[in-house]
Amino acid sequence: MAAIAEPAGSVAGSGRPSPFRLLVANRLSALGLAVLAAIVALVLVTPLLPLPDPDVTDPARRLLTPGEGGHLLGTDHLGRDLLARLLWGTRVSILVGLSATLIAALVGSLIGLTAGYAGGRTDSALMRGIDLVMAFPYILLALGIVAVLGPGLLNALYAIAIVNIPFFARNIRGITLGLSRREFVDAARLSGASHPAILFGEVLP
């Protein structure tokens, strides 16, 4: 009985586990987090590594095999070091990916909050727009946006952000629909709080 009661007491004392603890408890998630942390750490120290310029061409050293001529991953058809290009390219990919995700999360969350809280015609209009975006295949929509905006890293960032907005919007809307009818929201309305104050001060947290 003491052996059984001890874990119960520890759980009650610790309270609800933190999101990080839940993440680490899942082996697959923990492995993914470790790999991501290793990639980010490697990318951060890339400027300090003794790597050749990733954009300098050397046709005399083209298509070298890995390890040949001091190139750990070899060279491409223009003689550029593949390891240097891989690491510097990863920096750009992470920057674009994080920036696009933050933009999509911000815009999508605002749409989801507004739709879930307002309800009625506002909810219907916003969600029909989200459904319209989701009706197109993910990759084709991103390619179409890039084709309209033109080539470029910034336009690619916008395209990635736009196609990810619906996922955030729908998830946040579903959560907001449940929260907007809770007692603490009704209490805030009765106290005379404005809609923005309720939305960002009560529902959003």
Protein backbone atom coordinates (compact mmCIF):
# COMPACT_ATOMS: atom_id res chain seq x y z
CA MET A 1 0.00 0.00 0.00
CA ALA A 2 2.84 2.40 0.79
CA ALA A 3 4.41 1.64 -2.55
CA ILE A 4 1.13 2.41 -4.27
CA ALA A 5 0.38 5.55 -2.29
CA GLU A 6 3.77 7.11 -2.88
CA PRO A 7 3.37 7.75 -6.64
CA ALA A 8 -0.10 9.16 -6.05
CA GLY A 9 1.27 11.63 -3.56
CA SER A 10 4.08 12.63 -5.90
CA VAL A 11 1.64 13.24 -8.72
CA ALA A 12 -0.63 15.29 -6.52
CA GLY A 13 2.30 17.30 -5.27
CA SER A 14 3.78 17.95 -8.66
CA GLY A 15 0.50 19.04 -10.21
CA ARG A 16 -0.04 19.13 -13.93
CA PRO A 17 3.12 18.22 -15.92
CA SER A 18 4.67 21.00 -17.95
CA PRO A 19 4.47 20.95 -21.78
CA PHE A 20 8.23 20.37 -21.94
CA ARG A 21 7.95 17.34 -19.67
CA LEU A 22 5.16 15.92 -21.81
CA LEU A 23 7.27 16.50 -24.91
CA VAL A 24 10.31 14.75 -23.46
CA ALA A 25 8.17 11.86 -22.20
CA ASN A 26 7.36 10.96 -25.81
CA ARG A 27 10.44 9.21 -27.22
CA LEU A 28 9.73 10.17 -30.82
CA SER A 29 9.14 13.81 -29.89
CA ALA A 30 12.25 13.85 -27.70
CA LEU A 31 14.32 12.44 -30.57
CA GLY A 32 12.96 15.07 -32.95
CA LEU A 33 13.69 17.81 -30.42
CA ALA A 34 17.27 16.54 -29.99
CA VAL A 35 17.85 16.45 -33.75
CA LEU A 36 16.40 19.95 -34.16
CA ALA A 37 18.54 21.29 -31.31
CA ALA A 38 21.65 19.74 -32.87
CA ILE A 39 20.87 21.29 -36.25
CA VAL A 40 20.23 24.72 -34.71
CA ALA A 41 23.45 24.52 -32.68
CA LEU A 42 25.45 23.54 -35.75
CA VAL A 43 23.91 26.35 -37.77
CA LEU A 44 24.69 28.91 -35.07
CA VAL A 45 28.39 28.03 -35.06
CA THR A 46 28.62 27.88 -38.87
CA PRO A 47 30.24 31.36 -39.17
CA LEU A 48 32.96 30.23 -36.76
CA LEU A 49 33.85 27.08 -38.68
CA PRO A 50 36.82 27.07 -41.11
CA LEU A 51 34.65 26.60 -44.19
CA PRO A 52 35.33 27.89 -47.71
CA ASP A 53 33.04 30.49 -49.25
CA PRO A 54 29.93 28.59 -50.40
CA ASP A 55 29.55 30.80 -53.49
CA VAL A 56 33.13 30.67 -54.79
CA THR A 57 33.41 28.47 -57.89
CA ASP A 58 36.48 26.42 -58.84
CA PRO A 59 35.91 24.44 -62.06
CA ALA A 60 39.27 22.69 -61.60
CA ARG A 61 37.92 21.02 -58.45
CA ARG A 62 34.45 20.13 -59.71
CA LEU A 63 32.61 16.96 -58.66
CA LEU A 64 35.16 15.86 -56.09
CA THR A 65 34.19 12.83 -54.02
CA PRO A 66 33.59 13.19 -50.26
CA GLY A 67 36.88 13.68 -48.42
CA GLU A 68 38.86 14.46 -51.54
CA GLY A 69 40.90 17.67 -51.53
CA GLY A 70 39.83 18.58 -47.99
CA HIS A 71 36.11 18.72 -48.90
CA LEU A 72 34.22 16.53 -46.41
CA LEU A 73 31.15 16.21 -48.64
CA GLY A 74 32.90 16.85 -51.94
CA THR A 75 32.09 19.60 -54.44
CA ASP A 76 29.32 20.29 -56.92
CA HIS A 77 29.51 20.73 -60.70
CA LEU A 78 30.94 24.25 -60.25
CA GLY A 79 33.56 23.26 -57.69
CA ARG A 80 31.73 24.74 -54.69
CA ASP A 81 32.12 23.05 -51.31
CA LEU A 82 28.95 21.08 -50.56
CA LEU A 83 29.33 21.13 -46.77
CA ALA A 84 29.62 24.91 -46.71
CA ARG A 85 26.61 25.28 -49.02
CA LEU A 86 24.61 22.83 -46.89
CA LEU A 87 25.28 24.63 -43.61
CA TRP A 88 24.79 28.15 -44.93
CA GLY A 89 21.66 27.05 -46.79
CA THR A 90 20.29 25.50 -43.62
CA ARG A 91 20.62 28.89 -41.88
CA VAL A 92 18.42 30.45 -44.54
CA SER A 93 15.91 27.58 -44.42
CA ILE A 94 15.52 27.80 -40.63
CA LEU A 95 15.15 31.58 -40.75
CA VAL A 96 12.48 31.40 -43.46
CA GLY A 97 10.67 28.52 -41.77
CA LEU A 98 10.53 30.17 -38.34
CA SER A 99 9.54 33.55 -39.76
CA ALA A 100 6.79 32.05 -41.91
CA THR A 101 5.48 30.03 -38.96
CA LEU A 102 5.38 33.09 -36.70
CA ILE A 103 3.51 35.12 -39.34
CA ALA A 104 1.04 32.28 -39.96
CA ALA A 105 0.51 31.79 -36.22
CA LEU A 106 -0.09 35.50 -35.62
CA VAL A 107 -2.51 36.06 -38.51
CA GLY A 108 -4.23 32.70 -38.12
CA SER A 109 -4.69 33.17 -34.39
CA LEU A 110 -6.22 36.61 -34.89
CA ILE A 111 -8.66 35.21 -37.46
CA GLY A 112 -9.54 32.26 -35.24
CA LEU A 113 -10.02 34.43 -32.16
CA THR A 114 -12.24 36.89 -34.00
CA ALA A 115 -14.33 34.19 -35.69
CA GLY A 116 -14.81 32.10 -32.55
CA TYR A 117 -15.66 35.05 -30.32
CA ALA A 118 -17.86 37.02 -32.69
CA GLY A 119 -19.80 34.08 -34.13
CA GLY A 120 -22.71 34.62 -36.51
CA ARG A 121 -22.03 36.22 -39.86
CA THR A 122 -18.50 37.24 -38.95
CA ASP A 123 -17.59 33.65 -38.10
CA SER A 124 -19.27 32.36 -41.24
CA ALA A 125 -17.54 34.87 -43.53
CA LEU A 126 -14.08 34.31 -42.05
CA MET A 127 -14.37 30.52 -42.06
CA ARG A 128 -15.62 30.45 -45.66
CA GLY A 129 -12.52 32.39 -46.62
CA ILE A 130 -10.37 29.89 -44.71
CA ASP A 131 -12.18 26.99 -46.39
CA LEU A 132 -11.53 28.59 -49.77
CA VAL A 133 -7.80 28.69 -49.08
CA MET A 134 -7.81 25.09 -47.82
CA ALA A 135 -9.66 23.91 -50.92
CA PHE A 136 -6.47 24.30 -52.97
CA PRO A 137 -3.65 21.74 -52.70
CA TYR A 138 -0.99 22.96 -50.30
CA ILE A 139 2.00 22.87 -52.65
CA LEU A 140 0.13 24.14 -55.70
CA LEU A 141 -1.22 27.10 -53.76
CA ALA A 142 2.27 28.00 -52.53
CA LEU A 143 3.65 27.74 -56.08
CA GLY A 144 0.79 29.87 -57.39
CA ILE A 145 1.45 32.59 -54.82
CA VAL A 146 5.15 32.63 -55.72
CA ALA A 147 4.24 32.80 -59.41
CA VAL A 148 2.03 35.83 -58.77
CA LEU A 149 4.42 37.63 -56.43
CA GLY A 150 7.53 36.70 -58.38
CA PRO A 151 10.68 34.81 -57.40
CA GLY A 152 12.59 35.74 -54.28
CA LEU A 153 13.21 34.59 -50.75
CA LEU A 154 10.79 37.09 -49.21
CA ASN A 155 7.97 36.06 -51.56
CA ALA A 156 8.62 32.41 -50.72
CA LEU A 157 8.29 33.33 -47.04
CA TYR A 158 4.93 34.98 -47.71
CA ALA A 159 3.73 31.95 -49.68
CA ILE A 160 4.62 29.53 -46.88
CA ALA A 161 2.96 31.77 -44.30
CA ILE A 162 -0.28 32.17 -46.29
CA VAL A 163 -0.81 28.45 -46.88
CA ASN A 164 -0.29 27.74 -43.15
CA ILE A 165 -2.71 30.39 -41.86
CA PRO A 166 -5.82 28.15 -42.17
CA PHE A 167 -4.40 25.46 -39.86
CA PHE A 168 -3.86 27.97 -37.05
CA ALA A 169 -7.17 29.74 -37.71
CA ARG A 170 -9.31 26.62 -37.51
CA ASN A 171 -7.61 25.27 -34.39
CA ILE A 172 -7.78 28.59 -32.52
CA ARG A 173 -11.39 29.12 -33.57
CA GLY A 174 -12.41 25.74 -32.12
CA ILE A 175 -10.77 26.55 -28.79
CA THR A 176 -12.23 30.07 -28.74
CA LEU A 177 -15.77 28.77 -29.35
CA GLY A 178 -15.56 26.80 -26.12
CA LEU A 179 -13.91 29.54 -24.07
CA SER A 180 -16.17 32.37 -25.21
CA ARG A 181 -19.13 30.74 -23.46
CA ARG A 182 -17.40 30.13 -20.14
CA GLU A 183 -18.41 31.83 -16.90
CA PHE A 184 -15.36 34.08 -16.65
CA VAL A 185 -16.17 35.59 -20.07
CA ASP A 186 -19.77 36.24 -18.99
CA ALA A 187 -18.46 37.86 -15.81
CA ALA A 188 -16.18 40.12 -17.86
CA ARG A 189 -19.13 41.17 -20.03
CA LEU A 190 -21.26 41.95 -16.99
CA SER A 191 -18.44 44.06 -15.56
CA GLY A 192 -18.62 46.30 -18.64
CA ALA A 193 -15.38 45.21 -20.33
CA SER A 194 -15.14 45.93 -24.03
CA HIS A 195 -14.99 43.18 -26.63
CA PRO A 196 -11.25 43.71 -27.38
CA ALA A 197 -10.50 43.67 -23.63
CA ILE A 198 -12.39 40.39 -23.21
CA LEU A 199 -10.86 38.85 -26.31
CA PHE A 200 -7.24 39.72 -25.57
CA GLY A 201 -7.43 39.91 -21.80
CA GLU A 202 -9.60 36.88 -21.00
CA VAL A 203 -9.86 34.51 -23.98
CA LEU A 204 -6.38 34.82 -25.53
CA PRO A 205 -4.38 33.91 -22.39
